Amino acid sequence: MKKILTLLCLSLAIFTTYAQQIECTFTQDKTIQASGKVIHSEGVISFNGSDQLTMTYTKPAGEYLVISGPMLRSNANGQSISVDTDKNARFRSLRNTLLNCITGQYEQAAADNDAELQVSEKSGVKTVSMKARKNAPRGYSRIVMEYIKELPVRMVLEEFGGISTEYFFKY
């Protein structure tokens, strides 16, 4: 009986974690290191479960990023894409990193990106820093996440190519 109760509680905790609906506004600042140009964007992000994410931009209007299961769809700078990430390793890595960071599965994000992981907590803010162990032609050299009460409030994605994107999430 004790084992069944423990299993039931564990299943309920896992279900609750993955069935949560999170919605908030976000701002995004993309900095291109070579020119110093900063591109500001904003919008609404909605997360439902472990593999459903929608970022709808209000500035610039009409842009979006949608993850639904293995499918990743995006419209940015007038270019639309639709990719089955099960068949495309590059976009699978992007999809998994984004979902794992937002859901707090940063250990998995660090492993997937072959990155060193540091976690600290101060004044209720958990800061997670991931630094790539090796240079690569693409991907992330550094990722920083900040969480308050297990919700992401800041995310910084630094690419090997010299682009840094910082997100702030407001609930």
N, C-alpha and C. Protein backbone atom coordinates (compact mmCIF):
# COMPACT_ATOMS: atom_id res chain seq x y z
N MET A 1 0.83 -1.19 0.00
CA MET A 1 0.00 0.00 0.00
C MET A 1 0.87 1.26 0.00
N LYS A 2 1.94 1.21 0.81
CA LYS A 2 2.83 2.36 0.91
C LYS A 2 3.49 2.65 -0.44
N LYS A 3 3.88 1.59 -1.16
CA LYS A 3 4.51 1.75 -2.48
C LYS A 3 3.53 2.34 -3.48
N ILE A 4 2.29 1.89 -3.44
CA ILE A 4 1.27 2.39 -4.36
C ILE A 4 1.01 3.87 -4.09
N LEU A 5 0.91 4.25 -2.83
CA LEU A 5 0.69 5.64 -2.47
C LEU A 5 1.86 6.51 -2.92
N THR A 6 3.09 6.03 -2.71
CA THR A 6 4.27 6.77 -3.15
C THR A 6 4.28 6.93 -4.66
N LEU A 7 3.96 5.87 -5.38
CA LEU A 7 3.92 5.91 -6.84
C LEU A 7 2.83 6.87 -7.33
N LEU A 8 1.69 6.85 -6.68
CA LEU A 8 0.60 7.75 -7.04
C LEU A 8 1.00 9.21 -6.82
N CYS A 9 1.63 9.51 -5.69
CA CYS A 9 2.07 10.88 -5.41
C CYS A 9 3.12 11.34 -6.42
N LEU A 10 4.05 10.45 -6.74
CA LEU A 10 5.08 10.78 -7.72
C LEU A 10 4.46 11.03 -9.10
N SER A 11 3.53 10.19 -9.50
CA SER A 11 2.85 10.36 -10.79
C SER A 11 2.08 11.68 -10.83
N LEU A 12 1.41 12.00 -9.74
CA LEU A 12 0.66 13.26 -9.67
C LEU A 12 1.60 14.46 -9.76
N ALA A 13 2.74 14.40 -9.10
CA ALA A 13 3.72 15.50 -9.17
C ALA A 13 4.25 15.66 -10.59
N ILE A 14 4.55 14.56 -11.25
CA ILE A 14 5.03 14.63 -12.63
C ILE A 14 3.93 15.18 -13.54
N PHE A 15 2.71 14.70 -13.39
CA PHE A 15 1.60 15.19 -14.20
C PHE A 15 1.38 16.68 -14.00
N THR A 16 1.42 17.13 -12.75
CA THR A 16 1.23 18.54 -12.44
C THR A 16 2.32 19.39 -13.08
N THR A 17 3.56 18.92 -13.02
CA THR A 17 4.68 19.66 -13.61
C THR A 17 4.49 19.82 -15.10
N TYR A 18 4.09 18.75 -15.79
CA TYR A 18 4.01 18.80 -17.24
C TYR A 18 2.66 19.29 -17.75
N ALA A 19 1.66 19.37 -16.90
CA ALA A 19 0.35 19.81 -17.34
C ALA A 19 0.12 21.29 -17.04
N GLN A 20 1.12 21.95 -16.50
CA GLN A 20 0.92 23.33 -16.11
C GLN A 20 0.76 24.26 -17.32
N GLN A 21 -0.05 25.25 -17.15
CA GLN A 21 -0.25 26.29 -18.15
C GLN A 21 0.40 27.55 -17.61
N ILE A 22 1.36 28.05 -18.34
CA ILE A 22 2.04 29.28 -17.95
C ILE A 22 1.86 30.29 -19.07
N GLU A 23 1.49 31.49 -18.72
CA GLU A 23 1.39 32.55 -19.72
C GLU A 23 1.91 33.84 -19.10
N CYS A 24 2.71 34.55 -19.87
CA CYS A 24 3.26 35.81 -19.39
C CYS A 24 3.68 36.66 -20.58
N THR A 25 4.06 37.90 -20.29
CA THR A 25 4.61 38.75 -21.33
C THR A 25 6.12 38.61 -21.30
N PHE A 26 6.76 38.97 -22.42
CA PHE A 26 8.21 38.91 -22.46
C PHE A 26 8.75 40.08 -23.27
N THR A 27 9.98 40.44 -22.95
CA THR A 27 10.73 41.36 -23.79
C THR A 27 11.98 40.60 -24.24
N GLN A 28 12.45 40.96 -25.40
CA GLN A 28 13.62 40.30 -25.97
C GLN A 28 14.55 41.36 -26.54
N ASP A 29 15.82 41.29 -26.18
CA ASP A 29 16.83 42.17 -26.75
C ASP A 29 17.91 41.30 -27.37
N LYS A 30 18.01 41.38 -28.69
CA LYS A 30 19.01 40.62 -29.43
C LYS A 30 20.14 41.58 -29.79
N THR A 31 21.36 41.25 -29.33
CA THR A 31 22.53 42.10 -29.59
C THR A 31 23.46 41.39 -30.56
N ILE A 32 23.79 42.08 -31.64
CA ILE A 32 24.73 41.55 -32.62
C ILE A 32 26.09 42.12 -32.27
N GLN A 33 26.97 41.25 -31.78
CA GLN A 33 28.26 41.67 -31.24
C GLN A 33 29.10 42.45 -32.26
N ALA A 34 29.13 42.03 -33.50
CA ALA A 34 29.99 42.65 -34.52
C ALA A 34 29.65 44.12 -34.75
N SER A 35 28.35 44.45 -34.70
CA SER A 35 27.94 45.83 -34.97
C SER A 35 27.49 46.58 -33.72
N GLY A 36 27.19 45.84 -32.65
CA GLY A 36 26.66 46.47 -31.44
C GLY A 36 25.18 46.79 -31.56
N LYS A 37 24.56 46.43 -32.67
CA LYS A 37 23.14 46.72 -32.90
C LYS A 37 22.28 45.88 -31.96
N VAL A 38 21.28 46.53 -31.35
CA VAL A 38 20.34 45.85 -30.45
C VAL A 38 18.95 45.90 -31.09
N ILE A 39 18.33 44.75 -31.20
CA ILE A 39 16.98 44.65 -31.76
C ILE A 39 16.04 44.29 -30.62
N HIS A 40 15.08 45.19 -30.35
CA HIS A 40 14.14 44.99 -29.24
C HIS A 40 12.83 44.40 -29.78
N SER A 41 12.33 43.41 -29.08
CA SER A 41 11.04 42.79 -29.42
C SER A 41 10.28 42.55 -28.12
N GLU A 42 8.98 42.31 -28.27
CA GLU A 42 8.17 41.96 -27.10
C GLU A 42 6.94 41.18 -27.54
N GLY A 43 6.31 40.54 -26.56
CA GLY A 43 5.13 39.75 -26.88
C GLY A 43 4.62 38.97 -25.70
N VAL A 44 3.92 37.88 -26.02
CA VAL A 44 3.31 37.02 -25.02
C VAL A 44 3.80 35.60 -25.27
N ILE A 45 4.15 34.92 -24.18
CA ILE A 45 4.57 33.52 -24.28
C ILE A 45 3.57 32.67 -23.51
N SER A 46 3.24 31.55 -24.09
CA SER A 46 2.33 30.60 -23.47
C SER A 46 2.98 29.22 -23.51
N PHE A 47 3.01 28.57 -22.38
CA PHE A 47 3.61 27.25 -22.27
C PHE A 47 2.57 26.32 -21.67
N ASN A 48 2.36 25.18 -22.33
CA ASN A 48 1.37 24.22 -21.85
C ASN A 48 1.97 22.83 -21.96
N GLY A 49 2.32 22.23 -20.84
CA GLY A 49 2.90 20.90 -20.87
C GLY A 49 4.38 20.94 -21.16
N SER A 50 4.95 19.78 -21.48
CA SER A 50 6.39 19.69 -21.66
C SER A 50 6.84 20.00 -23.07
N ASP A 51 5.92 20.08 -24.04
CA ASP A 51 6.35 20.30 -25.42
C ASP A 51 5.41 21.19 -26.23
N GLN A 52 4.76 22.12 -25.57
CA GLN A 52 3.87 23.07 -26.24
C GLN A 52 4.26 24.47 -25.81
N LEU A 53 4.75 25.27 -26.75
CA LEU A 53 5.20 26.62 -26.45
C LEU A 53 4.81 27.54 -27.59
N THR A 54 4.27 28.70 -27.26
CA THR A 54 3.93 29.69 -28.27
C THR A 54 4.46 31.04 -27.83
N MET A 55 5.28 31.65 -28.67
CA MET A 55 5.74 33.02 -28.46
C MET A 55 5.12 33.85 -29.57
N THR A 56 4.22 34.74 -29.20
CA THR A 56 3.55 35.61 -30.17
C THR A 56 4.06 37.02 -29.95
N TYR A 57 4.71 37.55 -30.97
CA TYR A 57 5.30 38.88 -30.86
C TYR A 57 4.26 39.96 -31.17
N THR A 58 4.21 40.96 -30.29
CA THR A 58 3.40 42.14 -30.56
C THR A 58 4.26 43.24 -31.18
N LYS A 59 5.57 43.12 -30.97
CA LYS A 59 6.52 44.03 -31.57
C LYS A 59 7.76 43.23 -31.95
N PRO A 60 8.01 42.97 -33.19
CA PRO A 60 7.22 43.33 -34.37
C PRO A 60 6.00 42.41 -34.51
N ALA A 61 4.88 43.00 -34.81
CA ALA A 61 3.62 42.27 -34.95
C ALA A 61 3.74 41.25 -36.08
N GLY A 62 3.14 40.11 -35.85
CA GLY A 62 3.10 39.07 -36.88
C GLY A 62 4.18 38.02 -36.76
N GLU A 63 5.20 38.28 -35.96
CA GLU A 63 6.25 37.27 -35.78
C GLU A 63 5.82 36.30 -34.69
N TYR A 64 6.30 35.07 -34.80
CA TYR A 64 5.95 34.05 -33.81
C TYR A 64 6.96 32.92 -33.83
N LEU A 65 6.95 32.15 -32.74
CA LEU A 65 7.67 30.89 -32.63
C LEU A 65 6.71 29.94 -31.94
N VAL A 66 6.42 28.81 -32.59
CA VAL A 66 5.49 27.83 -32.04
C VAL A 66 6.17 26.47 -32.01
N ILE A 67 6.16 25.84 -30.84
CA ILE A 67 6.63 24.47 -30.69
C ILE A 67 5.42 23.65 -30.28
N SER A 68 5.13 22.64 -31.07
CA SER A 68 4.02 21.74 -30.78
C SER A 68 4.51 20.33 -31.02
N GLY A 69 4.84 19.64 -29.93
CA GLY A 69 5.45 18.32 -30.08
C GLY A 69 6.78 18.48 -30.82
N PRO A 70 7.00 17.66 -31.84
CA PRO A 70 8.26 17.76 -32.57
C PRO A 70 8.29 18.89 -33.60
N MET A 71 7.16 19.51 -33.86
CA MET A 71 7.09 20.56 -34.89
C MET A 71 7.50 21.92 -34.33
N LEU A 72 8.32 22.62 -35.08
CA LEU A 72 8.73 23.98 -34.74
C LEU A 72 8.37 24.86 -35.94
N ARG A 73 7.56 25.88 -35.67
CA ARG A 73 7.17 26.84 -36.72
C ARG A 73 7.58 28.23 -36.27
N SER A 74 8.05 29.01 -37.23
CA SER A 74 8.50 30.34 -36.91
C SER A 74 8.23 31.28 -38.07
N ASN A 75 7.97 32.52 -37.72
CA ASN A 75 7.89 33.60 -38.70
C ASN A 75 8.70 34.75 -38.11
N ALA A 76 9.84 35.03 -38.74
CA ALA A 76 10.72 36.10 -38.27
C ALA A 76 11.33 36.80 -39.47
N ASN A 77 11.33 38.12 -39.41
CA ASN A 77 11.90 38.92 -40.50
C ASN A 77 11.30 38.57 -41.86
N GLY A 78 10.00 38.25 -41.88
CA GLY A 78 9.32 37.93 -43.13
C GLY A 78 9.58 36.53 -43.66
N GLN A 79 10.33 35.71 -42.92
CA GLN A 79 10.61 34.35 -43.35
C GLN A 79 9.89 33.36 -42.44
N SER A 80 9.10 32.49 -43.06
CA SER A 80 8.40 31.45 -42.30
C SER A 80 9.09 30.12 -42.50
N ILE A 81 9.16 29.35 -41.41
CA ILE A 81 9.70 28.00 -41.51
C ILE A 81 8.79 27.06 -40.74
N SER A 82 8.81 25.82 -41.13
CA SER A 82 8.12 24.75 -40.42
C SER A 82 9.03 23.53 -40.50
N VAL A 83 9.47 23.05 -39.32
CA VAL A 83 10.47 21.99 -39.27
C VAL A 83 10.01 20.88 -38.33
N ASP A 84 10.14 19.65 -38.80
CA ASP A 84 9.93 18.49 -37.94
C ASP A 84 11.27 18.23 -37.25
N THR A 85 11.36 18.55 -35.96
CA THR A 85 12.64 18.46 -35.25
C THR A 85 13.10 17.01 -35.06
N ASP A 86 12.21 16.05 -35.25
CA ASP A 86 12.64 14.66 -35.21
C ASP A 86 13.57 14.34 -36.38
N LYS A 87 13.46 15.15 -37.44
CA LYS A 87 14.25 14.91 -38.66
C LYS A 87 15.36 15.94 -38.87
N ASN A 88 15.50 16.90 -37.94
CA ASN A 88 16.48 17.96 -38.11
C ASN A 88 17.19 18.20 -36.77
N ALA A 89 18.43 17.74 -36.67
CA ALA A 89 19.18 17.79 -35.40
C ALA A 89 19.41 19.22 -34.93
N ARG A 90 19.69 20.14 -35.84
CA ARG A 90 19.96 21.52 -35.44
C ARG A 90 18.74 22.15 -34.77
N PHE A 91 17.57 22.00 -35.37
CA PHE A 91 16.37 22.58 -34.79
C PHE A 91 15.89 21.78 -33.59
N ARG A 92 16.18 20.48 -33.55
CA ARG A 92 15.85 19.67 -32.37
C ARG A 92 16.61 20.19 -31.16
N SER A 93 17.89 20.52 -31.35
CA SER A 93 18.70 21.05 -30.26
C SER A 93 18.14 22.39 -29.77
N LEU A 94 17.78 23.27 -30.70
CA LEU A 94 17.18 24.57 -30.34
C LEU A 94 15.89 24.37 -29.57
N ARG A 95 15.01 23.51 -30.08
CA ARG A 95 13.72 23.23 -29.45
C ARG A 95 13.93 22.70 -28.04
N ASN A 96 14.78 21.67 -27.91
CA ASN A 96 14.99 21.04 -26.61
C ASN A 96 15.62 21.99 -25.60
N THR A 97 16.58 22.79 -26.03
CA THR A 97 17.22 23.74 -25.14
C THR A 97 16.20 24.75 -24.62
N LEU A 98 15.40 25.30 -25.50
CA LEU A 98 14.40 26.29 -25.10
C LEU A 98 13.39 25.69 -24.13
N LEU A 99 12.84 24.53 -24.48
CA LEU A 99 11.85 23.90 -23.60
C LEU A 99 12.46 23.50 -22.26
N ASN A 100 13.66 22.93 -22.28
CA ASN A 100 14.28 22.51 -21.02
C ASN A 100 14.60 23.69 -20.12
N CYS A 101 15.05 24.78 -20.70
CA CYS A 101 15.35 25.97 -19.88
C CYS A 101 14.08 26.56 -19.28
N ILE A 102 13.03 26.65 -20.05
CA ILE A 102 11.79 27.24 -19.55
C ILE A 102 11.14 26.36 -18.49
N THR A 103 11.24 25.04 -18.64
CA THR A 103 10.61 24.14 -17.67
C THR A 103 11.49 23.86 -16.46
N GLY A 104 12.69 24.45 -16.42
CA GLY A 104 13.57 24.24 -15.28
C GLY A 104 14.38 22.95 -15.36
N GLN A 105 14.39 22.32 -16.51
CA GLN A 105 15.17 21.09 -16.71
C GLN A 105 16.57 21.46 -17.19
N TYR A 106 17.22 22.35 -16.44
CA TYR A 106 18.51 22.88 -16.86
C TYR A 106 19.63 21.85 -16.85
N GLU A 107 19.51 20.80 -16.01
CA GLU A 107 20.52 19.74 -16.05
C GLU A 107 20.54 19.08 -17.42
N GLN A 108 19.35 18.84 -17.97
CA GLN A 108 19.25 18.23 -19.29
C GLN A 108 19.75 19.19 -20.36
N ALA A 109 19.43 20.48 -20.23
CA ALA A 109 19.91 21.47 -21.20
C ALA A 109 21.43 21.52 -21.20
N ALA A 110 22.03 21.47 -20.02
CA ALA A 110 23.50 21.48 -19.93
C ALA A 110 24.09 20.23 -20.56
N ALA A 111 23.50 19.09 -20.30
CA ALA A 111 24.00 17.83 -20.89
C ALA A 111 23.87 17.86 -22.41
N ASP A 112 22.72 18.31 -22.91
CA ASP A 112 22.49 18.37 -24.36
C ASP A 112 23.46 19.31 -25.06
N ASN A 113 23.88 20.37 -24.35
CA ASN A 113 24.77 21.36 -24.95
C ASN A 113 26.23 21.15 -24.55
N ASP A 114 26.55 20.02 -23.93
CA ASP A 114 27.90 19.72 -23.46
C ASP A 114 28.48 20.93 -22.72
N ALA A 115 27.75 21.36 -21.71
CA ALA A 115 28.10 22.58 -20.98
C ALA A 115 28.34 22.29 -19.50
N GLU A 116 29.24 23.09 -18.92
CA GLU A 116 29.46 23.06 -17.47
C GLU A 116 28.28 23.79 -16.82
N LEU A 117 27.82 23.28 -15.71
CA LEU A 117 26.64 23.82 -15.05
C LEU A 117 27.00 24.38 -13.68
N GLN A 118 26.54 25.60 -13.41
CA GLN A 118 26.67 26.21 -12.08
C GLN A 118 25.31 26.72 -11.66
N VAL A 119 24.94 26.41 -10.43
CA VAL A 119 23.65 26.83 -9.89
C VAL A 119 23.89 27.52 -8.55
N SER A 120 23.28 28.69 -8.38
CA SER A 120 23.37 29.40 -7.11
C SER A 120 22.01 30.01 -6.80
N GLU A 121 21.81 30.35 -5.53
CA GLU A 121 20.55 30.97 -5.14
C GLU A 121 20.83 32.09 -4.16
N LYS A 122 20.21 33.24 -4.41
CA LYS A 122 20.38 34.38 -3.53
C LYS A 122 19.09 35.20 -3.54
N SER A 123 18.60 35.52 -2.36
CA SER A 123 17.39 36.34 -2.19
C SER A 123 16.21 35.81 -3.00
N GLY A 124 16.04 34.49 -3.05
CA GLY A 124 14.91 33.89 -3.73
C GLY A 124 15.06 33.76 -5.24
N VAL A 125 16.20 34.14 -5.78
CA VAL A 125 16.45 34.02 -7.22
C VAL A 125 17.48 32.92 -7.46
N LYS A 126 17.06 31.90 -8.18
CA LYS A 126 17.97 30.82 -8.55
C LYS A 126 18.60 31.20 -9.89
N THR A 127 19.93 31.25 -9.92
CA THR A 127 20.67 31.57 -11.14
C THR A 127 21.37 30.32 -11.63
N VAL A 128 21.12 29.99 -12.88
CA VAL A 128 21.71 28.82 -13.51
C VAL A 128 22.56 29.30 -14.67
N SER A 129 23.81 28.90 -14.69
CA SER A 129 24.72 29.30 -15.75
C SER A 129 25.29 28.04 -16.41
N MET A 130 25.22 28.01 -17.73
CA MET A 130 25.76 26.89 -18.51
C MET A 130 26.79 27.46 -19.48
N LYS A 131 28.00 26.91 -19.45
CA LYS A 131 29.06 27.36 -20.35
C LYS A 131 29.55 26.17 -21.15
N ALA A 132 29.57 26.32 -22.48
CA ALA A 132 30.00 25.23 -23.36
C ALA A 132 31.43 24.81 -23.05
N ARG A 133 31.66 23.53 -23.07
CA ARG A 133 33.00 23.00 -22.79
C ARG A 133 33.94 23.23 -23.98
N LYS A 134 33.38 23.26 -25.21
CA LYS A 134 34.20 23.42 -26.42
C LYS A 134 33.52 24.41 -27.37
N ASN A 135 34.32 25.04 -28.21
CA ASN A 135 33.78 25.88 -29.28
C ASN A 135 33.10 24.99 -30.31
N ALA A 136 32.11 25.53 -30.97
CA ALA A 136 31.38 24.80 -32.01
C ALA A 136 30.98 25.77 -33.11
N PRO A 137 30.71 25.27 -34.30
CA PRO A 137 30.32 26.17 -35.38
C PRO A 137 28.96 26.82 -35.16
N ARG A 138 28.10 26.18 -34.38
CA ARG A 138 26.79 26.76 -34.08
C ARG A 138 26.34 26.27 -32.71
N GLY A 139 25.31 26.90 -32.23
CA GLY A 139 24.81 26.54 -30.90
C GLY A 139 25.12 27.64 -29.90
N TYR A 140 25.04 27.29 -28.62
CA TYR A 140 25.18 28.28 -27.55
C TYR A 140 26.51 28.12 -26.81
N SER A 141 27.24 29.22 -26.69
CA SER A 141 28.47 29.22 -25.92
C SER A 141 28.17 29.37 -24.43
N ARG A 142 27.07 30.06 -24.13
CA ARG A 142 26.69 30.32 -22.74
C ARG A 142 25.19 30.51 -22.65
N ILE A 143 24.60 29.98 -21.59
CA ILE A 143 23.18 30.16 -21.31
C ILE A 143 23.07 30.54 -19.84
N VAL A 144 22.29 31.57 -19.55
CA VAL A 144 22.03 31.96 -18.17
C VAL A 144 20.52 31.99 -17.97
N MET A 145 20.08 31.36 -16.91
CA MET A 145 18.66 31.36 -16.56
C MET A 145 18.51 31.88 -15.14
N GLU A 146 17.45 32.63 -14.91
CA GLU A 146 17.09 33.03 -13.55
C GLU A 146 15.64 32.62 -13.31
N TYR A 147 15.42 32.01 -12.15
CA TYR A 147 14.09 31.54 -11.78
C TYR A 147 13.69 32.13 -10.43
N ILE A 148 12.43 32.46 -10.30
CA ILE A 148 11.84 32.82 -9.01
C ILE A 148 10.65 31.90 -8.83
N LYS A 149 10.66 31.17 -7.72
CA LYS A 149 9.61 30.18 -7.44
C LYS A 149 9.42 29.24 -8.62
N GLU A 150 10.52 28.75 -9.16
CA GLU A 150 10.55 27.77 -10.25
C GLU A 150 10.05 28.30 -11.60
N LEU A 151 9.73 29.59 -11.68
CA LEU A 151 9.32 30.18 -12.96
C LEU A 151 10.48 30.98 -13.54
N PRO A 152 10.72 30.84 -14.84
CA PRO A 152 11.81 31.60 -15.46
C PRO A 152 11.46 33.09 -15.50
N VAL A 153 12.40 33.94 -15.11
CA VAL A 153 12.18 35.39 -15.16
C VAL A 153 13.18 36.07 -16.09
N ARG A 154 14.29 35.36 -16.39
CA ARG A 154 15.31 35.92 -17.29
C ARG A 154 16.04 34.76 -17.96
N MET A 155 16.32 34.94 -19.25
CA MET A 155 17.07 33.95 -20.00
C MET A 155 18.01 34.67 -20.95
N VAL A 156 19.28 34.26 -20.96
CA VAL A 156 20.27 34.83 -21.87
C VAL A 156 20.85 33.67 -22.68
N LEU A 157 20.77 33.79 -24.00
CA LEU A 157 21.32 32.79 -24.90
C LEU A 157 22.43 33.45 -25.71
N GLU A 158 23.66 33.03 -25.48
CA GLU A 158 24.80 33.58 -26.22
C GLU A 158 25.26 32.55 -27.24
N GLU A 159 25.22 32.92 -28.50
CA GLU A 159 25.59 32.01 -29.58
C GLU A 159 27.07 32.11 -29.89
N PHE A 160 27.63 31.01 -30.39
CA PHE A 160 29.04 31.01 -30.79
C PHE A 160 29.30 32.06 -31.87
N GLY A 161 28.30 32.35 -32.69
CA GLY A 161 28.46 33.30 -33.79
C GLY A 161 28.45 34.76 -33.38
N GLY A 162 28.31 35.07 -32.09
CA GLY A 162 28.40 36.45 -31.66
C GLY A 162 27.07 37.16 -31.49
N ILE A 163 25.98 36.42 -31.39
CA ILE A 163 24.67 37.02 -31.13
C ILE A 163 24.24 36.63 -29.72
N SER A 164 23.80 37.63 -28.96
CA SER A 164 23.32 37.39 -27.61
C SER A 164 21.86 37.83 -27.53
N THR A 165 21.01 36.95 -27.02
CA THR A 165 19.59 37.28 -26.90
C THR A 165 19.19 37.16 -25.44
N GLU A 166 18.64 38.25 -24.91
CA GLU A 166 18.22 38.29 -23.51
C GLU A 166 16.70 38.45 -23.45
N TYR A 167 16.07 37.59 -22.67
CA TYR A 167 14.61 37.62 -22.47
C TYR A 167 14.32 37.94 -21.02
N PHE A 168 13.28 38.73 -20.81
CA PHE A 168 12.72 38.96 -19.48
C PHE A 168 11.27 38.53 -19.53
N PHE A 169 10.85 37.72 -18.55
CA PHE A 169 9.48 37.23 -18.48
C PHE A 169 8.77 37.89 -17.30
N LYS A 170 7.58 38.42 -17.56
CA LYS A 170 6.81 39.09 -16.50
C LYS A 170 5.45 38.42 -16.37
N TYR A 171 5.15 37.96 -15.13
CA TYR A 171 3.91 37.21 -14.86
C TYR A 171 2.86 38.10 -14.26
